Amino acid sequence: MFENIDLNDFWSAEAWGDRYHTLEPVTDELVKELEEKWGYKYPASYVCLMKQHNGGGLKRSCVKGTYSVIDGLWGIKGDDAEKRRWVFDDWGYPEIGIPISEGPSGHTMFFLDYRACGRDGEPAVAEIDQEADYAIDLLADSFEEFIGKLVTEDENDSEEVIQENYRRLRDPYRNVTLLEMDEKQRRELNRAIWGGISWGCVGVCAGILALPWFITAITGTQNAILLRVSTWALRLLGLFLLWVFLGGCLSAFFDMRKTYRCYPDRVNKAWEENGKKYCSLERSLKEKYENPGSLLAPGDEVTVFVPEKGTAYLVKNKP
């Protein structure tokens, strides 16, 4: 374990992150207690490193090929599971695993990521950027690989290489093969695009715009001022709704002109958040998709239509 890494030249007592060095020896009993509290099994490489030096600052803090900088490693302490809840409860980070450090800005966090492996598997290491709408970047497939990627700033890759790596890291479809659409799939996509428009707005607009004339026919010239005010108010409301509808039509028109590719997937979870409906997929690395009307449920087979740029469309497959 850590065969190509000189751990004697790994830690830095002078680094700012050394405030996380707890000085508390790591025992198997402590590890087991924390695993039960977290609900996750620590990777053997993480436990091994913490037994050697229980957290602290690092001499090499840049993740090779990325802009990521880790502010030391948090050690293992008995009350970690309770104290680190602020990461999720106060800062709103998605619960993908165990937080192990943060970035110098205070707006990025590093996690042992258990999404792919399950609670007892070998977790990856991911960074979540709070200021980028909690974008998740997978930095390494294991903790040991992550430690091997740590370099100094001078040892890091060029700007061009880093930018290309980030384009790949932030691609939620990097683990799937996107296919060209056939005619049937193109028709399904078009229906999904135009189905997102609120056609009921047309009827509402027509009713609102016609209502003043209806009021006039009933009331005649009585309450002329009140009638005139209400007439213009209703007309403005109707024009606003018509504007919303036409905006939706224009957006749909441009969406139809985009180039899409597609792949099959399955709904993993569906939930409500701040009054909106969302779902996640099994194969996509994107955290959530809009699910208006809760049309999609866990287990539903879907076709995902991915544009070169913009929002993907989910279409439920017919049985």
Protein backbone atom coordinates (compact mmCIF):
# COMPACT_ATOMS: atom_id res chain seq x y z
CA MET A 1 0.00 0.00 0.00
CA PHE A 2 1.36 3.45 -1.01
CA GLU A 3 4.34 1.67 -2.59
CA ASN A 4 5.40 4.60 -4.79
CA ILE A 5 4.80 7.33 -2.22
CA ASP A 6 7.33 8.48 0.35
CA LEU A 7 5.09 9.01 3.36
CA ASN A 8 8.08 10.29 5.37
CA ASP A 9 8.09 13.33 3.07
CA PHE A 10 4.30 13.62 2.83
CA TRP A 11 3.10 15.57 5.86
CA SER A 12 3.85 19.21 6.67
CA ALA A 13 3.71 20.43 10.25
CA GLU A 14 3.96 24.06 9.07
CA ALA A 15 1.01 23.88 6.69
CA TRP A 16 -2.19 25.67 7.68
CA GLY A 17 -4.12 22.42 7.41
CA ASP A 18 -2.13 20.90 10.29
CA ARG A 19 -4.73 22.27 12.70
CA TYR A 20 -6.68 19.12 11.75
CA HIS A 21 -3.98 16.89 13.24
CA THR A 22 -5.93 15.48 16.18
CA LEU A 23 -2.97 13.72 17.89
CA GLU A 24 -5.42 11.05 18.98
CA PRO A 25 -4.13 7.56 18.08
CA VAL A 26 -6.35 5.70 15.65
CA THR A 27 -7.43 2.29 16.90
CA ASP A 28 -9.47 -0.44 15.24
CA GLU A 29 -12.17 0.16 17.85
CA LEU A 30 -12.35 3.86 16.97
CA VAL A 31 -12.55 3.06 13.26
CA LYS A 32 -15.37 0.59 13.83
CA GLU A 33 -17.26 3.09 16.01
CA LEU A 34 -16.98 5.82 13.36
CA GLU A 35 -17.99 3.45 10.56
CA GLU A 36 -21.17 2.61 12.44
CA LYS A 37 -21.94 6.31 12.99
CA TRP A 38 -21.25 7.29 9.39
CA GLY A 39 -22.89 4.23 7.91
CA TYR A 40 -19.89 3.79 5.59
CA LYS A 41 -16.83 1.54 5.69
CA TYR A 42 -13.52 3.41 5.57
CA PRO A 43 -11.15 2.27 2.80
CA ALA A 44 -8.17 0.34 4.15
CA SER A 45 -5.74 2.86 2.59
CA TYR A 46 -7.34 5.77 4.48
CA VAL A 47 -7.20 3.92 7.80
CA CYS A 48 -3.58 2.94 7.14
CA LEU A 49 -2.57 6.55 6.48
CA MET A 50 -4.44 7.87 9.51
CA LYS A 51 -2.81 5.29 11.77
CA GLN A 52 0.57 6.56 10.59
CA HIS A 53 -0.34 10.25 11.02
CA ASN A 54 -3.84 11.17 12.10
CA GLY A 55 -4.53 14.04 9.73
CA GLY A 56 -2.61 17.23 9.06
CA GLY A 57 -1.11 19.54 6.48
CA LEU A 58 0.48 18.29 3.27
CA LYS A 59 3.68 19.17 1.42
CA ARG A 60 1.98 18.34 -1.91
CA SER A 61 -1.54 19.73 -1.98
CA CYS A 62 -2.38 20.06 -5.71
CA VAL A 63 -4.28 17.28 -7.47
CA LYS A 64 -2.36 16.58 -10.69
CA GLY A 65 -4.18 17.59 -13.86
CA THR A 66 -6.75 19.75 -12.06
CA TYR A 67 -7.16 23.11 -10.35
CA SER A 68 -8.04 21.30 -7.12
CA VAL A 69 -6.07 22.16 -4.01
CA ILE A 70 -6.67 20.24 -0.79
CA ASP A 71 -6.21 22.02 2.53
CA GLY A 72 -4.68 19.11 4.45
CA LEU A 73 -6.42 15.88 5.44
CA TRP A 74 -8.84 15.63 8.31
CA GLY A 75 -7.94 13.00 10.87
CA ILE A 76 -10.23 10.46 12.53
CA LYS A 77 -11.80 11.56 15.81
CA GLY A 78 -14.54 10.05 17.94
CA ASP A 79 -17.07 12.85 17.43
CA ASP A 80 -16.43 13.33 13.70
CA ALA A 81 -19.78 11.93 12.56
CA GLU A 82 -21.66 14.48 14.67
CA LYS A 83 -19.39 17.49 14.20
CA ARG A 84 -19.06 17.14 10.45
CA ARG A 85 -22.84 17.22 9.94
CA TRP A 86 -22.46 20.95 9.27
CA VAL A 87 -21.09 20.01 5.85
CA PHE A 88 -24.52 18.67 4.88
CA ASP A 89 -26.95 20.45 7.22
CA ASP A 90 -25.51 23.98 7.14
CA TRP A 91 -23.65 24.14 3.83
CA GLY A 92 -26.00 21.96 1.79
CA TYR A 93 -23.45 19.57 0.27
CA PRO A 94 -24.99 16.38 -1.18
CA GLU A 95 -24.46 13.33 1.03
CA ILE A 96 -22.26 11.23 -1.23
CA GLY A 97 -20.03 9.89 1.55
CA ILE A 98 -17.55 11.01 4.21
CA PRO A 99 -15.98 14.50 4.06
CA ILE A 100 -12.20 14.35 4.45
CA SER A 101 -11.08 17.93 3.79
CA GLU A 102 -11.89 21.29 2.24
CA GLY A 103 -10.24 23.64 -0.24
CA PRO A 104 -8.46 26.88 0.71
CA SER A 105 -11.45 28.97 -0.46
CA GLY A 106 -13.78 27.29 2.02
CA HIS A 107 -16.29 26.65 -0.78
CA THR A 108 -15.04 23.28 -1.99
CA MET A 109 -15.08 19.98 -0.08
CA PHE A 110 -13.35 16.65 -0.65
CA PHE A 111 -15.24 13.41 0.00
CA LEU A 112 -14.83 9.68 0.05
CA ASP A 113 -17.47 9.06 -2.64
CA TYR A 114 -19.59 5.91 -2.13
CA ARG A 115 -22.16 6.49 -4.89
CA ALA A 116 -20.83 3.84 -7.25
CA CYS A 117 -19.47 1.27 -4.79
CA GLY A 118 -22.11 1.25 -2.04
CA ARG A 119 -21.56 1.74 1.67
CA ASP A 120 -19.18 -1.22 2.08
CA GLY A 121 -17.20 -0.84 -1.15
CA GLU A 122 -13.99 0.93 -2.14
CA PRO A 123 -14.95 4.61 -2.46
CA ALA A 124 -13.65 7.06 -5.03
CA VAL A 125 -12.49 10.55 -4.06
CA ALA A 126 -14.53 13.50 -5.32
CA GLU A 127 -14.47 17.26 -4.94
CA ILE A 128 -17.70 19.27 -4.72
CA ASP A 129 -17.70 22.94 -5.67
CA GLN A 130 -20.37 24.85 -3.77
CA GLU A 131 -20.02 27.92 -6.00
CA ALA A 132 -20.57 25.85 -9.17
CA ASP A 133 -24.01 24.63 -8.09
CA TYR A 134 -22.41 21.77 -6.13
CA ALA A 135 -20.74 20.28 -9.22
CA ILE A 136 -19.10 16.95 -8.39
CA ASP A 137 -15.68 16.21 -9.89
CA LEU A 138 -14.41 12.63 -9.60
CA LEU A 139 -10.69 13.01 -8.88
CA ALA A 140 -9.62 9.39 -8.35
CA ASP A 141 -11.15 5.91 -8.31
CA SER A 142 -9.69 5.17 -4.87
CA PHE A 143 -8.14 6.99 -1.92
CA GLU A 144 -4.74 5.43 -2.60
CA GLU A 145 -4.86 6.65 -6.22
CA PHE A 146 -5.86 10.10 -4.97
CA ILE A 147 -2.84 10.31 -2.66
CA GLY A 148 -0.63 9.30 -5.59
CA LYS A 149 -1.98 12.23 -7.63
CA LEU A 150 -0.96 14.89 -5.09
CA VAL A 151 1.85 17.12 -6.40
CA THR A 152 3.32 20.55 -5.79
CA GLU A 153 2.14 23.50 -7.86
CA ASP A 154 5.34 23.39 -9.96
CA GLU A 155 4.80 19.68 -10.70
CA ASN A 156 1.23 20.14 -11.95
CA ASP A 157 0.20 19.87 -15.62
CA SER A 158 -0.10 22.73 -18.09
CA GLU A 159 -3.15 24.99 -18.32
CA GLU A 160 -4.28 23.32 -21.56
CA VAL A 161 -4.17 19.84 -20.05
CA ILE A 162 -6.04 20.98 -16.94
CA GLN A 163 -8.81 22.64 -18.98
CA GLU A 164 -9.31 19.49 -21.05
CA ASN A 165 -9.41 17.39 -17.90
CA TYR A 166 -12.10 19.64 -16.43
CA ARG A 167 -14.18 19.37 -19.57
CA ARG A 168 -14.06 15.59 -19.12
CA LEU A 169 -14.56 15.69 -15.35
CA ARG A 170 -17.71 17.78 -15.65
CA ASP A 171 -19.25 15.64 -18.38
CA PRO A 172 -22.05 13.65 -16.66
CA TYR A 173 -22.23 11.27 -19.64
CA ARG A 174 -18.57 10.29 -19.76
CA ASN A 175 -19.39 6.73 -18.64
CA VAL A 176 -22.01 6.05 -21.33
CA THR A 177 -21.95 5.68 -25.11
CA LEU A 178 -24.10 8.29 -26.83
CA LEU A 179 -25.81 7.02 -29.98
CA GLU A 180 -27.25 8.71 -33.04
CA MET A 181 -31.05 9.03 -33.05
CA ASP A 182 -33.32 7.19 -35.47
CA GLU A 183 -36.53 8.68 -36.89
CA LYS A 184 -38.73 7.22 -34.17
CA GLN A 185 -36.56 8.68 -31.45
CA ARG A 186 -36.54 12.05 -33.22
CA ARG A 187 -40.36 12.08 -33.17
CA GLU A 188 -40.39 11.17 -29.47
CA LEU A 189 -37.94 13.97 -28.72
CA ASN A 190 -40.03 16.51 -30.65
CA ARG A 191 -43.12 15.51 -28.69
CA ALA A 192 -41.17 15.90 -25.44
CA ILE A 193 -39.91 19.35 -26.46
CA TRP A 194 -43.32 20.69 -27.44
CA GLY A 195 -45.01 18.88 -24.57
CA GLY A 196 -43.11 21.08 -22.15
CA ILE A 197 -45.08 24.12 -23.27
CA SER A 198 -48.11 25.07 -21.22
CA TRP A 199 -50.76 24.94 -23.93
CA GLY A 200 -53.37 25.83 -21.35
CA CYS A 201 -51.95 29.35 -21.46
CA VAL A 202 -53.58 29.82 -24.87
CA GLY A 203 -57.07 29.19 -23.52
CA VAL A 204 -56.43 31.31 -20.44
CA CYS A 205 -55.08 34.17 -22.56
CA ALA A 206 -58.04 34.03 -24.92
CA GLY A 207 -60.46 34.01 -21.99
CA ILE A 208 -58.76 36.94 -20.25
CA LEU A 209 -58.53 39.02 -23.40
CA ALA A 210 -62.21 38.39 -24.20
CA LEU A 211 -63.46 38.98 -20.63
CA PRO A 212 -63.52 42.81 -20.84
CA TRP A 213 -65.85 42.66 -23.84
CA PHE A 214 -68.01 40.17 -21.97
CA ILE A 215 -68.17 42.52 -18.97
CA THR A 216 -69.04 45.43 -21.23
CA ALA A 217 -71.88 43.47 -22.84
CA ILE A 218 -73.39 42.70 -19.43
CA THR A 219 -72.86 45.96 -17.55
CA GLY A 220 -73.21 48.44 -20.40
CA THR A 221 -71.72 51.82 -19.45
CA GLN A 222 -72.23 51.54 -15.69
CA ASN A 223 -69.12 52.05 -13.47
CA ALA A 224 -67.16 53.27 -16.50
CA ILE A 225 -63.94 54.07 -14.57
CA LEU A 226 -63.90 50.72 -12.72
CA LEU A 227 -64.71 48.92 -15.94
CA ARG A 228 -61.92 50.71 -17.81
CA VAL A 229 -59.31 49.91 -15.09
CA SER A 230 -60.32 46.27 -14.82
CA THR A 231 -60.40 45.94 -18.61
CA TRP A 232 -56.82 47.14 -19.02
CA ALA A 233 -55.60 45.10 -16.05
CA LEU A 234 -57.08 41.94 -17.55
CA ARG A 235 -55.67 42.75 -20.98
CA LEU A 236 -52.16 43.25 -19.54
CA LEU A 237 -52.40 39.95 -17.64
CA GLY A 238 -53.54 38.19 -20.79
CA LEU A 239 -50.70 39.72 -22.82
CA PHE A 240 -48.19 38.64 -20.16
CA LEU A 241 -49.40 35.03 -20.28
CA LEU A 242 -49.33 35.16 -24.06
CA TRP A 243 -45.75 36.41 -23.89
CA VAL A 244 -44.81 33.49 -21.62
CA PHE A 245 -46.40 31.06 -24.06
CA LEU A 246 -44.67 32.56 -27.09
CA GLY A 247 -41.36 32.49 -25.19
CA GLY A 248 -41.87 28.76 -24.58
CA CYS A 249 -42.60 28.22 -28.28
CA LEU A 250 -39.44 30.11 -29.27
CA SER A 251 -37.35 28.07 -26.83
CA ALA A 252 -38.86 24.84 -28.18
CA PHE A 253 -38.09 25.94 -31.73
CA PHE A 254 -34.40 26.48 -30.96
CA ASP A 255 -34.22 23.22 -28.95
CA MET A 256 -35.51 21.33 -31.98
CA ARG A 257 -32.71 22.75 -34.12
CA LYS A 258 -29.99 21.37 -31.80
CA THR A 259 -28.06 18.20 -32.51
CA TYR A 260 -28.91 15.44 -30.04
CA ARG A 261 -27.54 12.02 -29.27
CA CYS A 262 -29.18 9.55 -26.92
CA TYR A 263 -28.71 6.52 -24.68
CA PRO A 264 -30.97 4.27 -22.55
CA ASP A 265 -31.10 4.68 -18.77
CA ARG A 266 -33.27 3.91 -15.75
CA VAL A 267 -34.69 6.21 -13.06
CA ASN A 268 -32.87 5.63 -9.79
CA LYS A 269 -34.65 8.00 -7.38
CA ALA A 270 -37.45 10.57 -7.48
CA TRP A 271 -38.00 13.28 -4.86
CA GLU A 272 -39.33 16.75 -4.13
CA GLU A 273 -37.05 19.65 -3.24
CA ASN A 274 -38.20 23.20 -2.51
CA GLY A 275 -41.54 22.52 -4.15
CA LYS A 276 -40.03 21.12 -7.38
CA LYS A 277 -39.92 17.51 -8.58
CA TYR A 278 -36.60 15.88 -9.45
CA CYS A 279 -35.20 12.47 -10.33
CA SER A 280 -31.78 10.86 -10.76
CA LEU A 281 -30.61 8.20 -13.20
CA GLU A 282 -28.55 5.06 -12.70
CA ARG A 283 -25.93 5.63 -15.41
CA SER A 284 -25.70 9.40 -15.63
CA LEU A 285 -23.37 11.21 -13.23
CA LYS A 286 -25.64 14.26 -13.15
CA GLU A 287 -27.10 14.64 -9.67
CA LYS A 288 -30.69 15.50 -10.64
CA TYR A 289 -33.07 16.13 -13.53
CA GLU A 290 -36.34 18.01 -13.42
CA ASN A 291 -39.34 15.70 -13.15
CA PRO A 292 -42.42 17.94 -13.54
CA GLY A 293 -45.65 16.32 -12.52
CA SER A 294 -43.76 13.32 -11.12
CA LEU A 295 -44.18 11.61 -14.50
CA LEU A 296 -41.11 9.45 -13.85
CA ALA A 297 -40.84 6.98 -10.96
CA PRO A 298 -37.95 4.80 -9.72
CA GLY A 299 -37.41 1.87 -12.05
CA ASP A 300 -38.86 3.56 -15.15
CA GLU A 301 -36.91 2.95 -18.36
CA VAL A 302 -36.09 6.19 -20.17
CA THR A 303 -34.26 7.44 -23.22
CA VAL A 304 -31.97 10.38 -22.46
CA PHE A 305 -31.56 12.89 -25.30
CA VAL A 306 -28.32 14.84 -24.83
CA PRO A 307 -27.62 18.03 -26.84
CA GLU A 308 -24.14 19.33 -27.57
CA LYS A 309 -25.00 22.21 -25.26
CA GLY A 310 -28.03 22.78 -23.07
CA THR A 311 -30.60 20.76 -21.15
CA ALA A 312 -31.12 17.04 -21.75
CA TYR A 313 -34.62 15.62 -22.24
CA LEU A 314 -35.88 12.43 -20.56
CA VAL A 315 -38.52 10.41 -22.41
CA LYS A 316 -40.20 7.48 -20.71
CA ASN A 317 -40.02 4.32 -22.83
CA LYS A 318 -43.30 2.69 -23.72
CA PRO A 319 -43.80 -0.88 -22.38
